[in-house]
């Protein structure tokens, strides 16, 4: 099963965020709640945790790219 990793909504008025960088390489195993990437808004940079345990597969997100909330950035392949 694959769990989607999406651009989060970091504030009430947020409609988009800037993808800063991956903290985990593509194809690496991650644990749920482990920080896997950084997103920036006009006010702060935030480390975003993995929504599940499994193997991280990067999507098409590029550093300094701006993406609408909900955009698919990656998936996590779980053992389930």
PDB file of N, CA and C in Angstrom:
ATOM      1  N   UNK A   1       0.845  -1.174   0.000  1.00  0.00           N
ATOM      2  CA  UNK A   1       0.000   0.000   0.000  1.00  0.00           C
ATOM      3  C   UNK A   1       0.895   1.244   0.000  1.00  0.00           C
ATOM      4  N   UNK A   2       0.448   2.286  -0.667  1.00  0.00           N
ATOM      5  CA  UNK A   2       1.179   3.554  -0.689  1.00  0.00           C
ATOM      6  C   UNK A   2       0.392   4.614   0.067  1.00  0.00           C
ATOM      7  N   UNK A   3       1.099   5.350   0.916  1.00  0.00           N
ATOM      8  CA  UNK A   3       0.503   6.448   1.673  1.00  0.00           C
ATOM      9  C   UNK A   3       0.986   7.747   1.041  1.00  0.00           C
ATOM     10  N   UNK A   4       0.061   8.651   0.669  1.00  0.00           N
ATOM     11  CA  UNK A   4       0.484   9.906   0.053  1.00  0.00           C
ATOM     12  C   UNK A   4       1.146  10.852   1.048  1.00  0.00           C
ATOM     13  N   UNK A   5       2.132  11.586   0.561  1.00  0.00           N
ATOM     14  CA  UNK A   5       2.794  12.655   1.323  1.00  0.00           C
ATOM     15  C   UNK A   5       2.460  13.941   0.575  1.00  0.00           C
ATOM     16  N   UNK A   6       1.700  14.825   1.207  1.00  0.00           N
ATOM     17  CA  UNK A   6       1.178  16.012   0.528  1.00  0.00           C
ATOM     18  C   UNK A   6       1.681  17.305   1.163  1.00  0.00           C
ATOM     19  N   UNK A   7       1.602  18.380   0.390  1.00  0.00           N
ATOM     20  CA  UNK A   7       1.925  19.708   0.920  1.00  0.00           C
ATOM     21  C   UNK A   7       0.907  20.021   2.014  1.00  0.00           C
ATOM     22  N   UNK A   8       1.384  20.262   3.236  1.00  0.00           N
ATOM     23  CA  UNK A   8       0.470  20.505   4.353  1.00  0.00           C
ATOM     24  C   UNK A   8      -0.054  21.942   4.377  1.00  0.00           C
ATOM     25  N   UNK A   9      -1.139  22.124   5.084  1.00  0.00           N
ATOM     26  CA  UNK A   9      -1.664  23.469   5.345  1.00  0.00           C
ATOM     27  C   UNK A   9      -1.091  23.895   6.684  1.00  0.00           C
ATOM     28  N   UNK A  10      -0.197  24.874   6.677  1.00  0.00           N
ATOM     29  CA  UNK A  10       0.528  25.259   7.887  1.00  0.00           C
ATOM     30  C   UNK A  10      -0.092  26.434   8.634  1.00  0.00           C
ATOM     31  N   UNK A  11      -1.140  27.004   8.109  1.00  0.00           N
ATOM     32  CA  UNK A  11      -1.792  28.119   8.790  1.00  0.00           C
ATOM     33  C   UNK A  11      -3.198  28.286   8.250  1.00  0.00           C
ATOM     34  N   UNK A  12      -3.999  29.029   8.981  1.00  0.00           N
ATOM     35  CA  UNK A  12      -5.390  29.225   8.590  1.00  0.00           C
ATOM     36  C   UNK A  12      -5.513  29.830   7.192  1.00  0.00           C
ATOM     37  N   UNK A  13      -4.645  30.759   6.862  1.00  0.00           N
ATOM     38  CA  UNK A  13      -4.747  31.454   5.581  1.00  0.00           C
ATOM     39  C   UNK A  13      -3.835  30.860   4.499  1.00  0.00           C
ATOM     40  N   UNK A  14      -3.109  29.816   4.837  1.00  0.00           N
ATOM     41  CA  UNK A  14      -2.144  29.246   3.887  1.00  0.00           C
ATOM     42  C   UNK A  14      -2.855  28.510   2.753  1.00  0.00           C
ATOM     43  N   UNK A  15      -2.468  28.833   1.534  1.00  0.00           N
ATOM     44  CA  UNK A  15      -3.002  28.150   0.362  1.00  0.00           C
ATOM     45  C   UNK A  15      -1.905  27.431  -0.413  1.00  0.00           C
ATOM     46  N   UNK A  16      -0.641  27.720  -0.034  1.00  0.00           N
ATOM     47  CA  UNK A  16       0.504  27.111  -0.692  1.00  0.00           C
ATOM     48  C   UNK A  16       1.702  27.160   0.248  1.00  0.00           C
ATOM     49  N   UNK A  17       2.740  26.415  -0.122  1.00  0.00           N
ATOM     50  CA  UNK A  17       3.982  26.430   0.640  1.00  0.00           C
ATOM     51  C   UNK A  17       5.154  26.227  -0.296  1.00  0.00           C
ATOM     52  N   UNK A  18       6.338  26.562   0.180  1.00  0.00           N
ATOM     53  CA  UNK A  18       7.562  26.386  -0.603  1.00  0.00           C
ATOM     54  C   UNK A  18       8.267  25.128  -0.104  1.00  0.00           C
ATOM     55  N   UNK A  19       8.484  24.183  -1.016  1.00  0.00           N
ATOM     56  CA  UNK A  19       9.235  22.982  -0.690  1.00  0.00           C
ATOM     57  C   UNK A  19      10.701  23.379  -0.612  1.00  0.00           C
ATOM     58  N   UNK A  20      11.338  23.152   0.555  1.00  0.00           N
ATOM     59  CA  UNK A  20      12.731  23.562   0.746  1.00  0.00           C
ATOM     60  C   UNK A  20      13.697  22.446   0.391  1.00  0.00           C
ATOM     61  N   UNK A  21      13.546  21.286   1.050  1.00  0.00           N
ATOM     62  CA  UNK A  21      14.467  20.177   0.780  1.00  0.00           C
ATOM     63  C   UNK A  21      13.984  18.895   1.419  1.00  0.00           C
ATOM     64  N   UNK A  22      14.448  17.781   0.863  1.00  0.00           N
ATOM     65  CA  UNK A  22      14.229  16.475   1.482  1.00  0.00           C
ATOM     66  C   UNK A  22      15.237  16.277   2.598  1.00  0.00           C
ATOM     67  N   UNK A  23      14.818  15.675   3.689  1.00  0.00           N
ATOM     68  CA  UNK A  23      15.710  15.321   4.791  1.00  0.00           C
ATOM     69  C   UNK A  23      16.091  13.843   4.731  1.00  0.00           C
ATOM     70  N   UNK A  24      15.388  13.102   3.885  1.00  0.00           N
ATOM     71  CA  UNK A  24      15.620  11.664   3.725  1.00  0.00           C
ATOM     72  C   UNK A  24      15.741  11.379   2.229  1.00  0.00           C
ATOM     73  N   UNK A  25      16.725  10.581   1.863  1.00  0.00           N
ATOM     74  CA  UNK A  25      16.946  10.246   0.456  1.00  0.00           C
ATOM     75  C   UNK A  25      15.834   9.355  -0.077  1.00  0.00           C
ATOM     76  N   UNK A  26      15.612   9.442  -1.380  1.00  0.00           N
ATOM     77  CA  UNK A  26      14.643   8.585  -2.059  1.00  0.00           C
ATOM     78  C   UNK A  26      15.032   7.122  -1.870  1.00  0.00           C
ATOM     79  N   UNK A  27      14.035   6.292  -1.556  1.00  0.00           N
ATOM     80  CA  UNK A  27      14.278   4.866  -1.389  1.00  0.00           C
ATOM     81  C   UNK A  27      14.692   4.455   0.012  1.00  0.00           C
ATOM     82  N   UNK A  28      14.825   5.389   0.923  1.00  0.00           N
ATOM     83  CA  UNK A  28      15.206   5.085   2.312  1.00  0.00           C
ATOM     84  C   UNK A  28      13.975   4.757   3.140  1.00  0.00           C
ATOM     85  N   UNK A  29      14.162   3.915   4.115  1.00  0.00           N
ATOM     86  CA  UNK A  29      13.090   3.565   5.046  1.00  0.00           C
ATOM     87  C   UNK A  29      12.930   4.708   6.050  1.00  0.00           C
ATOM     88  N   UNK A  30      11.677   5.035   6.362  1.00  0.00           N
ATOM     89  CA  UNK A  30      11.368   6.074   7.339  1.00  0.00           C
ATOM     90  C   UNK A  30      10.402   5.519   8.372  1.00  0.00           C
ATOM     91  N   UNK A  31      10.420   6.122   9.543  1.00  0.00           N
ATOM     92  CA  UNK A  31       9.480   5.773  10.600  1.00  0.00           C
ATOM     93  C   UNK A  31       8.415   6.851  10.698  1.00  0.00           C
ATOM     94  N   UNK A  32       7.213   6.449  11.053  1.00  0.00           N
ATOM     95  CA  UNK A  32       6.135   7.410  11.239  1.00  0.00           C
ATOM     96  C   UNK A  32       6.576   8.487  12.223  1.00  0.00           C
ATOM     97  N   UNK A  33       6.291   9.731  11.901  1.00  0.00           N
ATOM     98  CA  UNK A  33       6.641  10.914  12.696  1.00  0.00           C
ATOM     99  C   UNK A  33       8.099  11.362  12.535  1.00  0.00           C
ATOM    100  N   UNK A  34       8.915  10.642  11.765  1.00  0.00           N
ATOM    101  CA  UNK A  34      10.281  11.070  11.475  1.00  0.00           C
ATOM    102  C   UNK A  34      10.224  12.250  10.496  1.00  0.00           C
ATOM    103  N   UNK A  35      10.949  13.335  10.749  1.00  0.00           N
ATOM    104  CA  UNK A  35      10.964  14.445   9.783  1.00  0.00           C
ATOM    105  C   UNK A  35      11.525  13.978   8.443  1.00  0.00           C
ATOM    106  N   UNK A  36      10.800  14.282   7.345  1.00  0.00           N
ATOM    107  CA  UNK A  36      11.242  13.821   6.032  1.00  0.00           C
ATOM    108  C   UNK A  36      11.488  14.946   5.031  1.00  0.00           C
ATOM    109  N   UNK A  37      10.892  16.130   5.256  1.00  0.00           N
ATOM    110  CA  UNK A  37      11.158  17.266   4.374  1.00  0.00           C
ATOM    111  C   UNK A  37      10.855  18.569   5.094  1.00  0.00           C
ATOM    112  N   UNK A  38      11.292  19.674   4.487  1.00  0.00           N
ATOM    113  CA  UNK A  38      11.088  21.007   5.073  1.00  0.00           C
ATOM    114  C   UNK A  38      10.232  21.834   4.117  1.00  0.00           C
ATOM    115  N   UNK A  39       9.258  22.533   4.712  1.00  0.00           N
ATOM    116  CA  UNK A  39       8.388  23.449   3.974  1.00  0.00           C
ATOM    117  C   UNK A  39       8.542  24.835   4.589  1.00  0.00           C
ATOM    118  N   UNK A  40       8.513  25.858   3.740  1.00  0.00           N
ATOM    119  CA  UNK A  40       8.603  27.236   4.223  1.00  0.00           C
ATOM    120  C   UNK A  40       7.336  27.995   3.861  1.00  0.00           C
ATOM    121  N   UNK A  41       6.933  28.859   4.776  1.00  0.00           N
ATOM    122  CA  UNK A  41       5.887  29.833   4.487  1.00  0.00           C
ATOM    123  C   UNK A  41       6.564  31.192   4.588  1.00  0.00           C
ATOM    124  N   UNK A  42       5.789  32.245   4.473  1.00  0.00           N
ATOM    125  CA  UNK A  42       6.399  33.572   4.560  1.00  0.00           C
ATOM    126  C   UNK A  42       6.905  33.878   5.962  1.00  0.00           C
ATOM    127  N   UNK A  43       6.545  33.034   6.938  1.00  0.00           N
ATOM    128  CA  UNK A  43       6.923  33.306   8.323  1.00  0.00           C
ATOM    129  C   UNK A  43       7.925  32.320   8.925  1.00  0.00           C
ATOM    130  N   UNK A  44       7.919  31.070   8.495  1.00  0.00           N
ATOM    131  CA  UNK A  44       8.721  30.068   9.185  1.00  0.00           C
ATOM    132  C   UNK A  44       9.009  28.863   8.283  1.00  0.00           C
ATOM    133  N   UNK A  45      10.115  28.153   8.598  1.00  0.00           N
ATOM    134  CA  UNK A  45      10.395  26.857   7.981  1.00  0.00           C
ATOM    135  C   UNK A  45       9.983  25.773   8.964  1.00  0.00           C
ATOM    136  N   UNK A  46       9.355  24.707   8.453  1.00  0.00           N
ATOM    137  CA  UNK A  46       8.837  23.648   9.310  1.00  0.00           C
ATOM    138  C   UNK A  46       9.264  22.291   8.779  1.00  0.00           C
ATOM    139  N   UNK A  47       9.770  21.422   9.671  1.00  0.00           N
ATOM    140  CA  UNK A  47      10.059  20.041   9.303  1.00  0.00           C
ATOM    141  C   UNK A  47       8.750  19.265   9.347  1.00  0.00           C
ATOM    142  N   UNK A  48       8.469  18.520   8.295  1.00  0.00           N
ATOM    143  CA  UNK A  48       7.221  17.779   8.180  1.00  0.00           C
ATOM    144  C   UNK A  48       7.501  16.298   8.425  1.00  0.00           C
ATOM    145  N   UNK A  49       6.735  15.669   9.337  1.00  0.00           N
ATOM    146  CA  UNK A  49       6.960  14.267   9.668  1.00  0.00           C
ATOM    147  C   UNK A  49       6.299  13.310   8.675  1.00  0.00           C
ATOM    148  N   UNK A  50       6.828  12.110   8.628  1.00  0.00           N
ATOM    149  CA  UNK A  50       6.254  11.051   7.792  1.00  0.00           C
ATOM    150  C   UNK A  50       4.897  10.641   8.356  1.00  0.00           C
ATOM    151  N   UNK A  51       3.903  10.447   7.485  1.00  0.00           N
ATOM    152  CA  UNK A  51       2.588  10.028   7.951  1.00  0.00           C
ATOM    153  C   UNK A  51       2.486   8.525   8.209  1.00  0.00           C
ATOM    154  N   UNK A  52       3.545   7.778   7.848  1.00  0.00           N
ATOM    155  CA  UNK A  52       3.521   6.322   8.016  1.00  0.00           C
ATOM    156  C   UNK A  52       4.948   5.796   8.017  1.00  0.00           C
ATOM    157  N   UNK A  53       5.099   4.528   8.383  1.00  0.00           N
ATOM    158  CA  UNK A  53       6.392   3.839   8.337  1.00  0.00           C
ATOM    159  C   UNK A  53       6.478   3.077   7.017  1.00  0.00           C
ATOM    160  N   UNK A  54       7.616   3.184   6.342  1.00  0.00           N
ATOM    161  CA  UNK A  54       7.812   2.470   5.090  1.00  0.00           C
ATOM    162  C   UNK A  54       8.958   3.073   4.301  1.00  0.00           C
ATOM    163  N   UNK A  55       8.940   2.868   2.999  1.00  0.00           N
ATOM    164  CA  UNK A  55      10.000   3.353   2.110  1.00  0.00           C
ATOM    165  C   UNK A  55       9.515   4.619   1.407  1.00  0.00           C
ATOM    166  N   UNK A  56      10.296   5.686   1.546  1.00  0.00           N
ATOM    167  CA  UNK A  56       9.957   6.982   0.951  1.00  0.00           C
ATOM    168  C   UNK A  56      10.307   6.986  -0.533  1.00  0.00           C
ATOM    169  N   UNK A  57       9.342   7.405  -1.350  1.00  0.00           N
ATOM    170  CA  UNK A  57       9.559   7.563  -2.791  1.00  0.00           C
ATOM    171  C   UNK A  57       9.257   9.011  -3.153  1.00  0.00           C
ATOM    172  N   UNK A  58      10.300   9.754  -3.471  1.00  0.00           N
ATOM    173  CA  UNK A  58      10.143  11.163  -3.826  1.00  0.00           C
ATOM    174  C   UNK A  58       9.268  11.295  -5.065  1.00  0.00           C
ATOM    175  N   UNK A  59       8.530  12.373  -5.109  1.00  0.00           N
ATOM    176  CA  UNK A  59       7.760  12.722  -6.300  1.00  0.00           C
ATOM    177  C   UNK A  59       8.530  13.753  -7.102  1.00  0.00           C
ATOM    178  N   UNK A  60       7.799  14.677  -7.706  1.00  0.00           N
ATOM    179  CA  UNK A  60       8.405  15.668  -8.588  1.00  0.00           C
ATOM    180  C   UNK A  60       8.733  16.991  -7.902  1.00  0.00           C
ATOM    181  N   UNK A  61       8.595  17.068  -6.581  1.00  0.00           N
ATOM    182  CA  UNK A  61       8.865  18.319  -5.870  1.00  0.00           C
ATOM    183  C   UNK A  61      10.331  18.712  -6.032  1.00  0.00           C
ATOM    184  N   UNK A  62      10.540  19.995  -6.312  1.00  0.00           N
ATOM    185  CA  UNK A  62      11.899  20.505  -6.481  1.00  0.00           C
ATOM    186  C   UNK A  62      12.170  21.592  -5.444  1.00  0.00           C
ATOM    187  N   UNK A  63      13.416  21.692  -4.960  1.00  0.00           N
ATOM    188  CA  UNK A  63      13.753  22.726  -3.979  1.00  0.00           C
ATOM    189  C   UNK A  63      13.356  24.113  -4.473  1.00  0.00           C
ATOM    190  N   UNK A  64      12.811  24.899  -3.570  1.00  0.00           N
ATOM    191  CA  UNK A  64      12.336  26.257  -3.822  1.00  0.00           C
ATOM    192  C   UNK A  64      11.084  26.316  -4.695  1.00  0.00           C
ATOM    193  N   UNK A  65      10.474  25.142  -4.961  1.00  0.00           N
ATOM    194  CA  UNK A  65       9.224  25.115  -5.714  1.00  0.00           C
ATOM    195  C   UNK A  65       8.049  25.467  -4.808  1.00  0.00           C
ATOM    196  N   UNK A  66       7.100  26.218  -5.331  1.00  0.00           N
ATOM    197  CA  UNK A  66       5.900  26.585  -4.591  1.00  0.00           C
ATOM    198  C   UNK A  66       4.759  25.686  -5.051  1.00  0.00           C
ATOM    199  N   UNK A  67       4.070  25.078  -4.062  1.00  0.00           N
ATOM    200  CA  UNK A  67       3.023  24.112  -4.365  1.00  0.00           C
ATOM    201  C   UNK A  67       1.765  24.419  -3.566  1.00  0.00           C
ATOM    202  N   UNK A  68       0.591  24.245  -4.185  1.00  0.00           N
ATOM    203  CA  UNK A  68      -0.661  24.424  -3.459  1.00  0.00           C
ATOM    204  C   UNK A  68      -0.805  23.375  -2.346  1.00  0.00           C
ATOM    205  N   UNK A  69      -1.494  23.748  -1.282  1.00  0.00           N
ATOM    206  CA  UNK A  69      -1.804  22.801  -0.211  1.00  0.00           C
ATOM    207  C   UNK A  69      -2.484  21.583  -0.836  1.00  0.00           C
ATOM    208  N   UNK A  70      -2.055  20.391  -0.413  1.00  0.00           N
ATOM    209  CA  UNK A  70      -2.646  19.151  -0.904  1.00  0.00           C
ATOM    210  C   UNK A  70      -1.924  18.522  -2.075  1.00  0.00           C
ATOM    211  N   UNK A  71      -0.934  19.233  -2.655  1.00  0.00           N
ATOM    212  CA  UNK A  71      -0.176  18.679  -3.784  1.00  0.00           C
ATOM    213  C   UNK A  71       0.585  17.441  -3.337  1.00  0.00           C
ATOM    214  N   UNK A  72       0.544  16.382  -4.146  1.00  0.00           N
ATOM    215  CA  UNK A  72       1.279  15.161  -3.851  1.00  0.00           C
ATOM    216  C   UNK A  72       2.769  15.412  -4.059  1.00  0.00           C
ATOM    217  N   UNK A  73       3.559  15.232  -2.995  1.00  0.00           N
ATOM    218  CA  UNK A  73       5.010  15.447  -3.060  1.00  0.00           C
ATOM    219  C   UNK A  73       5.782  14.135  -3.123  1.00  0.00           C
ATOM    220  N   UNK A  74       5.218  13.090  -2.524  1.00  0.00           N
ATOM    221  CA  UNK A  74       5.896  11.794  -2.449  1.00  0.00           C
ATOM    222  C   UNK A  74       4.891  10.746  -2.020  1.00  0.00           C
ATOM    223  N   UNK A  75       5.354   9.521  -1.926  1.00  0.00           N
ATOM    224  CA  UNK A  75       4.559   8.448  -1.330  1.00  0.00           C
ATOM    225  C   UNK A  75       5.454   7.649  -0.393  1.00  0.00           C
ATOM    226  N   UNK A  76       4.821   6.951   0.519  1.00  0.00           N
ATOM    227  CA  UNK A  76       5.532   6.019   1.390  1.00  0.00           C
ATOM    228  C   UNK A  76       4.940   4.646   1.149  1.00  0.00           C
ATOM    229  N   UNK A  77       5.779   3.729   0.705  1.00  0.00           N
ATOM    230  CA  UNK A  77       5.348   2.353   0.465  1.00  0.00           C
ATOM    231  C   UNK A  77       5.403   1.606   1.790  1.00  0.00           C
ATOM    232  N   UNK A  78       4.251   1.170   2.264  1.00  0.00           N
ATOM    233  CA  UNK A  78       4.177   0.458   3.546  1.00  0.00           C
ATOM    234  C   UNK A  78       4.177  -1.051   3.318  1.00  0.00           C
ATOM    235  N   UNK A  79       4.380  -1.790   4.393  1.00  0.00           N
ATOM    236  CA  UNK A  79       4.414  -3.250   4.324  1.00  0.00           C
ATOM    237  C   UNK A  79       3.007  -3.860   4.325  1.00  0.00           C
ATOM    238  N   UNK A  80       2.015  -3.026   4.550  1.00  0.00           N
ATOM    239  CA  UNK A  80       0.642  -3.542   4.651  1.00  0.00           C
ATOM    240  C   UNK A  80       0.023  -3.758   3.301  1.00  0.00           C
TER     241      UNK A  80
END
